[in-house]
Amino acid sequence: MDYDINKVIVLSDDVGNEMEIEYIDSTDFEGERYALFMPLENDDDEVIIMKYDNVSKDYDSFIPVEDKRILEGVYEKLREKYAPQLKELDEMIGE
């Protein structure tokens, strides 16, 4: 299931702790599907990359990604996708 950009969802862990995150985008990497999120209560530029798991028509579940190689690969793929927008933003702010 793909979400609309800027859609807020609530993640729940195995013990019921919840965190509101904003869906940014998703992509495929090495045959798996990953989603990029940003926590709503976020003071820095932290992002969360999670692997889609057990996707159904009613809900998606996600697995946290801990493999640094996968995290970097997924992040770089999404960064390349948004390179034109990032370049334009850098030019607007004079970087």
PDB file of N, CA and C in Angstrom:
ATOM      1  N   MET A   1       0.852  -1.166   0.000  1.00  0.00           N
ATOM      2  CA  MET A   1       0.000   0.000   0.000  1.00  0.00           C
ATOM      3  C   MET A   1       0.900   1.232   0.000  1.00  0.00           C
ATOM      4  N   ASP A   2       0.705   2.142  -0.924  1.00  0.00           N
ATOM      5  CA  ASP A   2       1.424   3.403  -0.905  1.00  0.00           C
ATOM      6  C   ASP A   2       0.545   4.445  -0.242  1.00  0.00           C
ATOM      7  N   TYR A   3       1.178   5.341   0.467  1.00  0.00           N
ATOM      8  CA  TYR A   3       0.475   6.386   1.188  1.00  0.00           C
ATOM      9  C   TYR A   3       0.624   7.698   0.441  1.00  0.00           C
ATOM     10  N   ASP A   4      -0.254   8.628   0.744  1.00  0.00           N
ATOM     11  CA  ASP A   4      -0.081   9.976   0.242  1.00  0.00           C
ATOM     12  C   ASP A   4       1.084  10.601   0.982  1.00  0.00           C
ATOM     13  N   ILE A   5       1.838  11.432   0.255  1.00  0.00           N
ATOM     14  CA  ILE A   5       2.931  12.151   0.906  1.00  0.00           C
ATOM     15  C   ILE A   5       2.342  12.980   2.038  1.00  0.00           C
ATOM     16  N   ASN A   6       3.080  13.062   3.128  1.00  0.00           N
ATOM     17  CA  ASN A   6       2.706  13.814   4.320  1.00  0.00           C
ATOM     18  C   ASN A   6       1.562  13.178   5.097  1.00  0.00           C
ATOM     19  N   LYS A   7       1.329  11.901   4.913  1.00  0.00           N
ATOM     20  CA  LYS A   7       0.308  11.215   5.686  1.00  0.00           C
ATOM     21  C   LYS A   7       0.904  10.795   7.026  1.00  0.00           C
ATOM     22  N   VAL A   8       0.206  11.092   8.080  1.00  0.00           N
ATOM     23  CA  VAL A   8       0.651  10.731   9.420  1.00  0.00           C
ATOM     24  C   VAL A   8       0.081   9.372   9.767  1.00  0.00           C
ATOM     25  N   ILE A   9       0.951   8.498  10.229  1.00  0.00           N
ATOM     26  CA  ILE A   9       0.516   7.186  10.688  1.00  0.00           C
ATOM     27  C   ILE A   9       1.071   6.954  12.085  1.00  0.00           C
ATOM     28  N   VAL A  10       0.505   5.983  12.761  1.00  0.00           N
ATOM     29  CA  VAL A  10       0.953   5.645  14.103  1.00  0.00           C
ATOM     30  C   VAL A  10       1.568   4.257  14.057  1.00  0.00           C
ATOM     31  N   LEU A  11       2.828   4.179  14.494  1.00  0.00           N
ATOM     32  CA  LEU A  11       3.501   2.887  14.606  1.00  0.00           C
ATOM     33  C   LEU A  11       3.347   2.394  16.026  1.00  0.00           C
ATOM     34  N   SER A  12       3.090   1.109  16.157  1.00  0.00           N
ATOM     35  CA  SER A  12       3.017   0.478  17.476  1.00  0.00           C
ATOM     36  C   SER A  12       4.041  -0.634  17.525  1.00  0.00           C
ATOM     37  N   ASP A  13       4.791  -0.696  18.617  1.00  0.00           N
ATOM     38  CA  ASP A  13       5.736  -1.790  18.754  1.00  0.00           C
ATOM     39  C   ASP A  13       5.064  -2.982  19.429  1.00  0.00           C
ATOM     40  N   ASP A  14       5.845  -4.006  19.713  1.00  0.00           N
ATOM     41  CA  ASP A  14       5.300  -5.248  20.268  1.00  0.00           C
ATOM     42  C   ASP A  14       4.687  -5.088  21.657  1.00  0.00           C
ATOM     43  N   VAL A  15       5.066  -4.045  22.385  1.00  0.00           N
ATOM     44  CA  VAL A  15       4.537  -3.857  23.740  1.00  0.00           C
ATOM     45  C   VAL A  15       3.533  -2.715  23.822  1.00  0.00           C
ATOM     46  N   GLY A  16       3.117  -2.188  22.658  1.00  0.00           N
ATOM     47  CA  GLY A  16       2.067  -1.178  22.648  1.00  0.00           C
ATOM     48  C   GLY A  16       2.522   0.262  22.663  1.00  0.00           C
ATOM     49  N   ASN A  17       3.835   0.513  22.658  1.00  0.00           N
ATOM     50  CA  ASN A  17       4.322   1.890  22.572  1.00  0.00           C
ATOM     51  C   ASN A  17       4.012   2.436  21.189  1.00  0.00           C
ATOM     52  N   GLU A  18       3.530   3.675  21.134  1.00  0.00           N
ATOM     53  CA  GLU A  18       3.152   4.272  19.861  1.00  0.00           C
ATOM     54  C   GLU A  18       4.002   5.495  19.546  1.00  0.00           C
ATOM     55  N   MET A  19       4.225   5.722  18.242  1.00  0.00           N
ATOM     56  CA  MET A  19       4.954   6.890  17.782  1.00  0.00           C
ATOM     57  C   MET A  19       4.290   7.371  16.505  1.00  0.00           C
ATOM     58  N   GLU A  20       3.986   8.660  16.435  1.00  0.00           N
ATOM     59  CA  GLU A  20       3.429   9.238  15.223  1.00  0.00           C
ATOM     60  C   GLU A  20       4.572   9.596  14.289  1.00  0.00           C
ATOM     61  N   ILE A  21       4.438   9.138  13.045  1.00  0.00           N
ATOM     62  CA  ILE A  21       5.446   9.426  12.038  1.00  0.00           C
ATOM     63  C   ILE A  21       4.759   9.873  10.766  1.00  0.00           C
ATOM     64  N   GLU A  22       5.503  10.598   9.965  1.00  0.00           N
ATOM     65  CA  GLU A  22       4.981  11.100   8.698  1.00  0.00           C
ATOM     66  C   GLU A  22       5.602  10.292   7.563  1.00  0.00           C
ATOM     67  N   TYR A  23       4.752   9.730   6.712  1.00  0.00           N
ATOM     68  CA  TYR A  23       5.227   8.996   5.545  1.00  0.00           C
ATOM     69  C   TYR A  23       5.797   9.990   4.542  1.00  0.00           C
ATOM     70  N   ILE A  24       7.001   9.702   4.046  1.00  0.00           N
ATOM     71  CA  ILE A  24       7.637  10.560   3.053  1.00  0.00           C
ATOM     72  C   ILE A  24       7.590   9.914   1.667  1.00  0.00           C
ATOM     73  N   ASP A  25       8.071   8.665   1.566  1.00  0.00           N
ATOM     74  CA  ASP A  25       8.106   7.997   0.271  1.00  0.00           C
ATOM     75  C   ASP A  25       8.479   6.534   0.483  1.00  0.00           C
ATOM     76  N   SER A  26       8.418   5.762  -0.589  1.00  0.00           N
ATOM     77  CA  SER A  26       8.858   4.370  -0.528  1.00  0.00           C
ATOM     78  C   SER A  26       9.589   4.025  -1.810  1.00  0.00           C
ATOM     79  N   THR A  27      10.396   2.971  -1.747  1.00  0.00           N
ATOM     80  CA  THR A  27      11.169   2.541  -2.904  1.00  0.00           C
ATOM     81  C   THR A  27      11.528   1.073  -2.759  1.00  0.00           C
ATOM     82  N   ASP A  28      11.919   0.473  -3.871  1.00  0.00           N
ATOM     83  CA  ASP A  28      12.418  -0.903  -3.857  1.00  0.00           C
ATOM     84  C   ASP A  28      13.939  -0.865  -3.805  1.00  0.00           C
ATOM     85  N   PHE A  29      14.510  -1.824  -3.094  1.00  0.00           N
ATOM     86  CA  PHE A  29      15.958  -1.947  -3.003  1.00  0.00           C
ATOM     87  C   PHE A  29      16.280  -3.421  -2.829  1.00  0.00           C
ATOM     88  N   GLU A  30      17.065  -3.954  -3.751  1.00  0.00           N
ATOM     89  CA  GLU A  30      17.474  -5.354  -3.716  1.00  0.00           C
ATOM     90  C   GLU A  30      16.292  -6.309  -3.536  1.00  0.00           C
ATOM     91  N   GLY A  31      15.213  -6.036  -4.271  1.00  0.00           N
ATOM     92  CA  GLY A  31      14.072  -6.930  -4.284  1.00  0.00           C
ATOM     93  C   GLY A  31      13.113  -6.800  -3.114  1.00  0.00           C
ATOM     94  N   GLU A  32      13.331  -5.848  -2.242  1.00  0.00           N
ATOM     95  CA  GLU A  32      12.451  -5.609  -1.093  1.00  0.00           C
ATOM     96  C   GLU A  32      11.899  -4.190  -1.174  1.00  0.00           C
ATOM     97  N   ARG A  33      10.778  -3.941  -0.501  1.00  0.00           N
ATOM     98  CA  ARG A  33      10.133  -2.622  -0.489  1.00  0.00           C
ATOM     99  C   ARG A  33      10.396  -1.954   0.855  1.00  0.00           C
ATOM    100  N   TYR A  34      10.806  -0.686   0.804  1.00  0.00           N
ATOM    101  CA  TYR A  34      11.126   0.081   2.006  1.00  0.00           C
ATOM    102  C   TYR A  34      10.378   1.402   1.999  1.00  0.00           C
ATOM    103  N   ALA A  35      10.084   1.905   3.197  1.00  0.00           N
ATOM    104  CA  ALA A  35       9.404   3.181   3.342  1.00  0.00           C
ATOM    105  C   ALA A  35      10.265   4.128   4.172  1.00  0.00           C
ATOM    106  N   LEU A  36      10.202   5.396   3.835  1.00  0.00           N
ATOM    107  CA  LEU A  36      10.929   6.439   4.546  1.00  0.00           C
ATOM    108  C   LEU A  36       9.929   7.268   5.341  1.00  0.00           C
ATOM    109  N   PHE A  37      10.196   7.427   6.630  1.00  0.00           N
ATOM    110  CA  PHE A  37       9.332   8.181   7.534  1.00  0.00           C
ATOM    111  C   PHE A  37      10.144   9.228   8.277  1.00  0.00           C
ATOM    112  N   MET A  38       9.446  10.229   8.787  1.00  0.00           N
ATOM    113  CA  MET A  38      10.056  11.218   9.669  1.00  0.00           C
ATOM    114  C   MET A  38       9.189  11.319  10.919  1.00  0.00           C
ATOM    115  N   PRO A  39       9.803  11.166  12.100  1.00  0.00           N
ATOM    116  CA  PRO A  39       9.022  11.304  13.332  1.00  0.00           C
ATOM    117  C   PRO A  39       8.447  12.717  13.449  1.00  0.00           C
ATOM    118  N   LEU A  40       7.212  12.829  13.927  1.00  0.00           N
ATOM    119  CA  LEU A  40       6.605  14.156  14.079  1.00  0.00           C
ATOM    120  C   LEU A  40       7.273  14.955  15.179  1.00  0.00           C
ATOM    121  N   GLU A  41       7.640  14.301  16.242  1.00  0.00           N
ATOM    122  CA  GLU A  41       8.362  14.980  17.324  1.00  0.00           C
ATOM    123  C   GLU A  41       9.840  14.788  17.084  1.00  0.00           C
ATOM    124  N   ASN A  42      10.376  15.613  16.191  1.00  0.00           N
ATOM    125  CA  ASN A  42      11.739  15.436  15.714  1.00  0.00           C
ATOM    126  C   ASN A  42      12.452  16.776  15.701  1.00  0.00           C
ATOM    127  N   ASP A  43      13.461  16.919  16.555  1.00  0.00           N
ATOM    128  CA  ASP A  43      14.201  18.173  16.632  1.00  0.00           C
ATOM    129  C   ASP A  43      15.374  18.226  15.664  1.00  0.00           C
ATOM    130  N   ASP A  44      15.755  17.084  15.105  1.00  0.00           N
ATOM    131  CA  ASP A  44      16.849  17.069  14.149  1.00  0.00           C
ATOM    132  C   ASP A  44      16.344  16.506  12.818  1.00  0.00           C
ATOM    133  N   ASP A  45      17.250  16.131  11.967  1.00  0.00           N
ATOM    134  CA  ASP A  45      16.866  15.646  10.638  1.00  0.00           C
ATOM    135  C   ASP A  45      16.770  14.128  10.592  1.00  0.00           C
ATOM    136  N   GLU A  46      16.407  13.511  11.691  1.00  0.00           N
ATOM    137  CA  GLU A  46      16.316  12.063  11.761  1.00  0.00           C
ATOM    138  C   GLU A  46      15.212  11.540  10.839  1.00  0.00           C
ATOM    139  N   VAL A  47      15.521  10.458  10.139  1.00  0.00           N
ATOM    140  CA  VAL A  47      14.522   9.757   9.351  1.00  0.00           C
ATOM    141  C   VAL A  47      14.529   8.298   9.775  1.00  0.00           C
ATOM    142  N   ILE A  48      13.445   7.621   9.476  1.00  0.00           N
ATOM    143  CA  ILE A  48      13.313   6.204   9.801  1.00  0.00           C
ATOM    144  C   ILE A  48      13.052   5.458   8.506  1.00  0.00           C
ATOM    145  N   ILE A  49      13.838   4.420   8.259  1.00  0.00           N
ATOM    146  CA  ILE A  49      13.627   3.570   7.102  1.00  0.00           C
ATOM    147  C   ILE A  49      13.181   2.212   7.614  1.00  0.00           C
ATOM    148  N   MET A  50      12.045   1.753   7.098  1.00  0.00           N
ATOM    149  CA  MET A  50      11.504   0.465   7.533  1.00  0.00           C
ATOM    150  C   MET A  50      11.146  -0.375   6.318  1.00  0.00           C
ATOM    151  N   LYS A  51      11.275  -1.676   6.478  1.00  0.00           N
ATOM    152  CA  LYS A  51      10.945  -2.625   5.415  1.00  0.00           C
ATOM    153  C   LYS A  51       9.478  -3.021   5.539  1.00  0.00           C
ATOM    154  N   TYR A  52       8.774  -3.003   4.399  1.00  0.00           N
ATOM    155  CA  TYR A  52       7.396  -3.486   4.384  1.00  0.00           C
ATOM    156  C   TYR A  52       7.401  -4.970   4.728  1.00  0.00           C
ATOM    157  N   ASP A  53       6.437  -5.389   5.523  1.00  0.00           N
ATOM    158  CA  ASP A  53       6.315  -6.792   5.897  1.00  0.00           C
ATOM    159  C   ASP A  53       4.847  -7.148   6.008  1.00  0.00           C
ATOM    160  N   ASN A  54       4.470  -8.291   5.457  1.00  0.00           N
ATOM    161  CA  ASN A  54       3.116  -8.804   5.619  1.00  0.00           C
ATOM    162  C   ASN A  54       2.062  -7.772   5.208  1.00  0.00           C
ATOM    163  N   VAL A  55       2.204  -7.267   3.997  1.00  0.00           N
ATOM    164  CA  VAL A  55       1.283  -6.254   3.491  1.00  0.00           C
ATOM    165  C   VAL A  55      -0.075  -6.908   3.195  1.00  0.00           C
ATOM    166  N   SER A  56      -1.122  -6.294   3.693  1.00  0.00           N
ATOM    167  CA  SER A  56      -2.475  -6.770   3.416  1.00  0.00           C
ATOM    168  C   SER A  56      -3.296  -5.604   2.886  1.00  0.00           C
ATOM    169  N   LYS A  57      -4.512  -5.874   2.467  1.00  0.00           N
ATOM    170  CA  LYS A  57      -5.350  -4.784   1.961  1.00  0.00           C
ATOM    171  C   LYS A  57      -5.829  -3.865   3.077  1.00  0.00           C
ATOM    172  N   ASP A  58      -5.787  -4.334   4.321  1.00  0.00           N
ATOM    173  CA  ASP A  58      -6.289  -3.539   5.441  1.00  0.00           C
ATOM    174  C   ASP A  58      -5.203  -2.743   6.166  1.00  0.00           C
ATOM    175  N   TYR A  59      -4.019  -3.283   6.230  1.00  0.00           N
ATOM    176  CA  TYR A  59      -2.949  -2.585   6.936  1.00  0.00           C
ATOM    177  C   TYR A  59      -1.596  -3.093   6.469  1.00  0.00           C
ATOM    178  N   ASP A  60      -0.576  -2.297   6.717  1.00  0.00           N
ATOM    179  CA  ASP A  60       0.801  -2.692   6.454  1.00  0.00           C
ATOM    180  C   ASP A  60       1.503  -2.873   7.786  1.00  0.00           C
ATOM    181  N   SER A  61       2.437  -3.773   7.824  1.00  0.00           N
ATOM    182  CA  SER A  61       3.311  -3.846   8.979  1.00  0.00           C
ATOM    183  C   SER A  61       4.732  -3.620   8.476  1.00  0.00           C
ATOM    184  N   PHE A  62       5.563  -3.128   9.348  1.00  0.00           N
ATOM    185  CA  PHE A  62       6.917  -2.749   8.972  1.00  0.00           C
ATOM    186  C   PHE A  62       7.917  -3.372   9.931  1.00  0.00           C
ATOM    187  N   ILE A  63       9.101  -3.616   9.406  1.00  0.00           N
ATOM    188  CA  ILE A  63      10.200  -4.140  10.207  1.00  0.00           C
ATOM    189  C   ILE A  63      11.297  -3.075  10.230  1.00  0.00           C
ATOM    190  N   PRO A  64      11.781  -2.710  11.410  1.00  0.00           N
ATOM    191  CA  PRO A  64      12.895  -1.757  11.465  1.00  0.00           C
ATOM    192  C   PRO A  64      14.118  -2.322  10.743  1.00  0.00           C
ATOM    193  N   VAL A  65      14.824  -1.471  10.036  1.00  0.00           N
ATOM    194  CA  VAL A  65      16.034  -1.873   9.328  1.00  0.00           C
ATOM    195  C   VAL A  65      17.232  -1.492  10.186  1.00  0.00           C
ATOM    196  N   GLU A  66      18.083  -2.458  10.451  1.00  0.00           N
ATOM    197  CA  GLU A  66      19.275  -2.199  11.257  1.00  0.00           C
ATOM    198  C   GLU A  66      20.562  -2.340  10.454  1.00  0.00           C
ATOM    199  N   ASP A  67      20.484  -2.977   9.286  1.00  0.00           N
ATOM    200  CA  ASP A  67      21.659  -3.192   8.439  1.00  0.00           C
ATOM    201  C   ASP A  67      22.083  -1.863   7.821  1.00  0.00           C
ATOM    202  N   LYS A  68      23.266  -1.390   8.192  1.00  0.00           N
ATOM    203  CA  LYS A  68      23.749  -0.085   7.751  1.00  0.00           C
ATOM    204  C   LYS A  68      23.858  -0.007   6.225  1.00  0.00           C
ATOM    205  N   ARG A  69      24.258  -1.085   5.582  1.00  0.00           N
ATOM    206  CA  ARG A  69      24.385  -1.101   4.127  1.00  0.00           C
ATOM    207  C   ARG A  69      23.024  -0.884   3.463  1.00  0.00           C
ATOM    208  N   ILE A  70      21.998  -1.531   3.990  1.00  0.00           N
ATOM    209  CA  ILE A  70      20.651  -1.363   3.440  1.00  0.00           C
ATOM    210  C   ILE A  70      20.136   0.043   3.709  1.00  0.00           C
ATOM    211  N   LEU A  71      20.335   0.532   4.930  1.00  0.00           N
ATOM    212  CA  LEU A  71      19.902   1.894   5.259  1.00  0.00           C
ATOM    213  C   LEU A  71      20.525   2.906   4.302  1.00  0.00           C
ATOM    214  N   GLU A  72      21.824   2.792   4.095  1.00  0.00           N
ATOM    215  CA  GLU A  72      22.512   3.733   3.214  1.00  0.00           C
ATOM    216  C   GLU A  72      22.055   3.584   1.770  1.00  0.00           C
ATOM    217  N   GLY A  73      21.827   2.340   1.315  1.00  0.00           N
ATOM    218  CA  GLY A  73      21.380   2.107  -0.056  1.00  0.00           C
ATOM    219  C   GLY A  73      20.002   2.673  -0.327  1.00  0.00           C
ATOM    220  N   VAL A  74      19.073   2.443   0.594  1.00  0.00           N
ATOM    221  CA  VAL A  74      17.708   2.956   0.438  1.00  0.00           C
ATOM    222  C   VAL A  74      17.722   4.486   0.496  1.00  0.00           C
ATOM    223  N   TYR A  75      18.456   5.032   1.456  1.00  0.00           N
ATOM    224  CA  TYR A  75      18.526   6.491   1.592  1.00  0.00           C
ATOM    225  C   TYR A  75      19.119   7.120   0.328  1.00  0.00           C
ATOM    226  N   GLU A  76      20.177   6.526  -0.192  1.00  0.00           N
ATOM    227  CA  GLU A  76      20.816   7.077  -1.386  1.00  0.00           C
ATOM    228  C   GLU A  76      19.885   7.000  -2.597  1.00  0.00           C
ATOM    229  N   LYS A  77      19.153   5.918  -2.720  1.00  0.00           N
ATOM    230  CA  LYS A  77      18.209   5.775  -3.837  1.00  0.00           C
ATOM    231  C   LYS A  77      17.138   6.867  -3.781  1.00  0.00           C
ATOM    232  N   LEU A  78      16.605   7.126  -2.586  1.00  0.00           N
ATOM    233  CA  LEU A  78      15.597   8.177  -2.443  1.00  0.00           C
ATOM    234  C   LEU A  78      16.223   9.557  -2.635  1.00  0.00           C
ATOM    235  N   ARG A  79      17.445   9.727  -2.197  1.00  0.00           N
ATOM    236  CA  ARG A  79      18.149  11.001  -2.380  1.00  0.00           C
ATOM    237  C   ARG A  79      18.336  11.294  -3.870  1.00  0.00           C
ATOM    238  N   GLU A  80      18.707  10.262  -4.634  1.00  0.00           N
ATOM    239  CA  GLU A  80      18.854  10.426  -6.085  1.00  0.00           C
ATOM    240  C   GLU A  80      17.519  10.797  -6.723  1.00  0.00           C
ATOM    241  N   LYS A  81      16.448  10.196  -6.254  1.00  0.00           N
ATOM    242  CA  LYS A  81      15.120  10.477  -6.793  1.00  0.00           C
ATOM    243  C   LYS A  81      14.752  11.947  -6.621  1.00  0.00           C
ATOM    244  N   TYR A  82      15.130  12.507  -5.479  1.00  0.00           N
ATOM    245  CA  TYR A  82      14.786  13.890  -5.172  1.00  0.00           C
ATOM    246  C   TYR A  82      15.915  14.867  -5.461  1.00  0.00           C
ATOM    247  N   ALA A  83      16.969  14.437  -6.150  1.00  0.00           N
ATOM    248  CA  ALA A  83      18.122  15.300  -6.432  1.00  0.00           C
ATOM    249  C   ALA A  83      17.734  16.616  -7.105  1.00  0.00           C
ATOM    250  N   PRO A  84      16.854  16.607  -8.118  1.00  0.00           N
ATOM    251  CA  PRO A  84      16.491  17.895  -8.738  1.00  0.00           C
ATOM    252  C   PRO A  84      15.841  18.872  -7.750  1.00  0.00           C
ATOM    253  N   GLN A  85      14.966  18.373  -6.889  1.00  0.00           N
ATOM    254  CA  GLN A  85      14.312  19.247  -5.914  1.00  0.00           C
ATOM    255  C   GLN A  85      15.326  19.740  -4.873  1.00  0.00           C
ATOM    256  N   LEU A  86      16.245  18.867  -4.465  1.00  0.00           N
ATOM    257  CA  LEU A  86      17.254  19.266  -3.485  1.00  0.00           C
ATOM    258  C   LEU A  86      18.197  20.312  -4.065  1.00  0.00           C
ATOM    259  N   LYS A  87      18.575  20.145  -5.338  1.00  0.00           N
ATOM    260  CA  LYS A  87      19.441  21.122  -5.994  1.00  0.00           C
ATOM    261  C   LYS A  87      18.750  22.477  -6.065  1.00  0.00           C
ATOM    262  N   GLU A  88      17.472  22.464  -6.447  1.00  0.00           N
ATOM    263  CA  GLU A  88      16.704  23.709  -6.527  1.00  0.00           C
ATOM    264  C   GLU A  88      16.608  24.375  -5.160  1.00  0.00           C
ATOM    265  N   LEU A  89      16.377  23.590  -4.121  1.00  0.00           N
ATOM    266  CA  LEU A  89      16.304  24.137  -2.769  1.00  0.00           C
ATOM    267  C   LEU A  89      17.639  24.740  -2.355  1.00  0.00           C
ATOM    268  N   ASP A  90      18.751  24.038  -2.635  1.00  0.00           N
ATOM    269  CA  ASP A  90      20.079  24.558  -2.313  1.00  0.00           C
ATOM    270  C   ASP A  90      20.326  25.889  -3.017  1.00  0.00           C
ATOM    271  N   GLU A  91      19.903  25.990  -4.271  1.00  0.00           N
ATOM    272  CA  GLU A  91      20.089  27.225  -5.016  1.00  0.00           C
ATOM    273  C   GLU A  91      19.244  28.357  -4.428  1.00  0.00           C
ATOM    274  N   MET A  92      18.054  28.016  -3.971  1.00  0.00           N
ATOM    275  CA  MET A  92      17.172  29.033  -3.389  1.00  0.00           C
ATOM    276  C   MET A  92      17.743  29.602  -2.100  1.00  0.00           C
ATOM    277  N   ILE A  93      18.388  28.744  -1.300  1.00  0.00           N
ATOM    278  CA  ILE A  93      18.918  29.223  -0.020  1.00  0.00           C
ATOM    279  C   ILE A  93      20.384  29.618  -0.118  1.00  0.00           C
ATOM    280  N   GLY A  94      20.966  29.543  -1.340  1.00  0.00           N
ATOM    281  CA  GLY A  94      22.295  30.045  -1.584  1.00  0.00           C
ATOM    282  C   GLY A  94      23.416  29.112  -1.192  1.00  0.00           C
ATOM    283  N   GLU A  95      23.194  27.831  -1.196  1.00  0.00           N
ATOM    284  CA  GLU A  95      24.274  26.890  -0.889  1.00  0.00           C
ATOM    285  C   GLU A  95      24.900  26.365  -2.139  1.00  0.00           C
TER     286      GLU A  95
END
